[in-house]
Protein backbone atom coordinates (compact mmCIF):
# COMPACT_ATOMS: atom_id res chain seq x y z
CA MET A 1 118.29 88.42 -89.43
CA THR A 2 116.38 88.11 -86.18
CA ALA A 3 116.54 85.11 -83.88
CA SER A 4 113.06 83.99 -84.89
CA ASN A 5 114.08 83.94 -88.56
CA SER A 6 117.39 82.17 -88.14
CA PRO A 7 117.68 78.67 -89.65
CA MET A 8 118.68 77.25 -86.26
CA SER A 9 115.32 78.20 -84.71
CA GLN A 10 113.25 76.55 -87.43
CA VAL A 11 112.23 72.95 -86.77
CA GLN A 12 110.58 70.57 -89.18
CA ALA A 13 107.02 69.83 -88.11
CA SER A 14 107.78 66.09 -88.03
CA ARG A 15 110.53 66.73 -85.46
CA LEU A 16 108.55 68.87 -83.01
CA GLY A 17 108.53 67.28 -79.57
CA ARG A 18 111.13 64.68 -80.54
CA SER A 19 114.81 64.17 -79.93
CA ALA A 20 117.33 62.38 -82.11
CA ILE A 21 119.25 59.19 -81.49
CA THR A 22 122.21 58.72 -83.79
CA PHE A 23 124.21 55.60 -84.35
CA PHE A 24 127.02 54.93 -86.77
CA VAL A 25 127.62 51.86 -88.91
CA GLN A 26 130.13 50.99 -91.58
CA PRO A 27 129.05 52.46 -94.93
CA GLU A 28 129.01 49.03 -96.55
CA SER A 29 126.53 47.79 -93.88
CA LYS A 30 123.80 50.29 -94.69
CA ALA A 31 122.29 48.39 -97.62
CA SER A 32 122.14 45.08 -95.74
CA ILE A 33 120.59 46.75 -92.68
CA ARG A 34 117.91 48.39 -94.82
CA ALA A 35 117.27 45.04 -96.56
CA ALA A 36 117.02 43.19 -93.25
CA LEU A 37 114.50 45.73 -91.91
CA ALA A 38 112.44 45.53 -95.11
CA ASP A 39 112.57 41.71 -95.26
CA GLY A 40 111.54 41.58 -91.60
CA GLY A 41 108.47 43.68 -92.39
CA TYR A 42 109.65 46.71 -90.41
CA GLY A 43 109.70 49.22 -93.27
CA THR A 44 111.97 50.37 -96.04
CA SER A 45 113.56 53.43 -94.45
CA PHE A 46 116.01 53.35 -91.57
CA GLN A 47 113.87 55.56 -89.33
CA GLN A 48 110.62 53.72 -90.00
CA GLY A 49 112.29 50.32 -89.72
CA ILE A 50 114.10 51.02 -86.46
CA VAL A 51 111.01 52.60 -84.86
CA ASN A 52 108.87 49.62 -85.88
CA LEU A 53 111.51 47.16 -84.64
CA LEU A 54 111.78 48.98 -81.31
CA ASN A 55 108.01 49.14 -80.95
CA GLU A 56 107.81 45.37 -81.42
CA LEU A 57 110.45 44.92 -78.72
CA MET A 58 108.63 47.34 -76.40
CA GLU A 59 105.36 45.47 -76.96
CA LYS A 60 106.99 42.11 -76.11
CA GLN A 61 108.21 43.68 -72.84
CA ASN A 62 104.78 45.16 -72.05
CA ARG A 63 106.13 48.69 -72.37
CA GLU A 64 104.52 51.71 -73.98
CA PRO A 65 105.41 51.96 -77.67
CA ILE A 66 107.39 54.91 -78.93
CA THR A 67 105.69 57.30 -81.31
């Protein structure tokens, strides 16, 4: 296997030009967090909801939104 064919060198198209932020919560909190994001109109997935929530915060602070 060459370096260009190794799984570590392959990146999902949706992740190109992006870096990850990871945070940990108690397993029993996940459902209520997802529900709070959805009920707040931020989206139904963690990633979508957090990005939308952060963009709203950035907008209120007159900052450039994240993509």
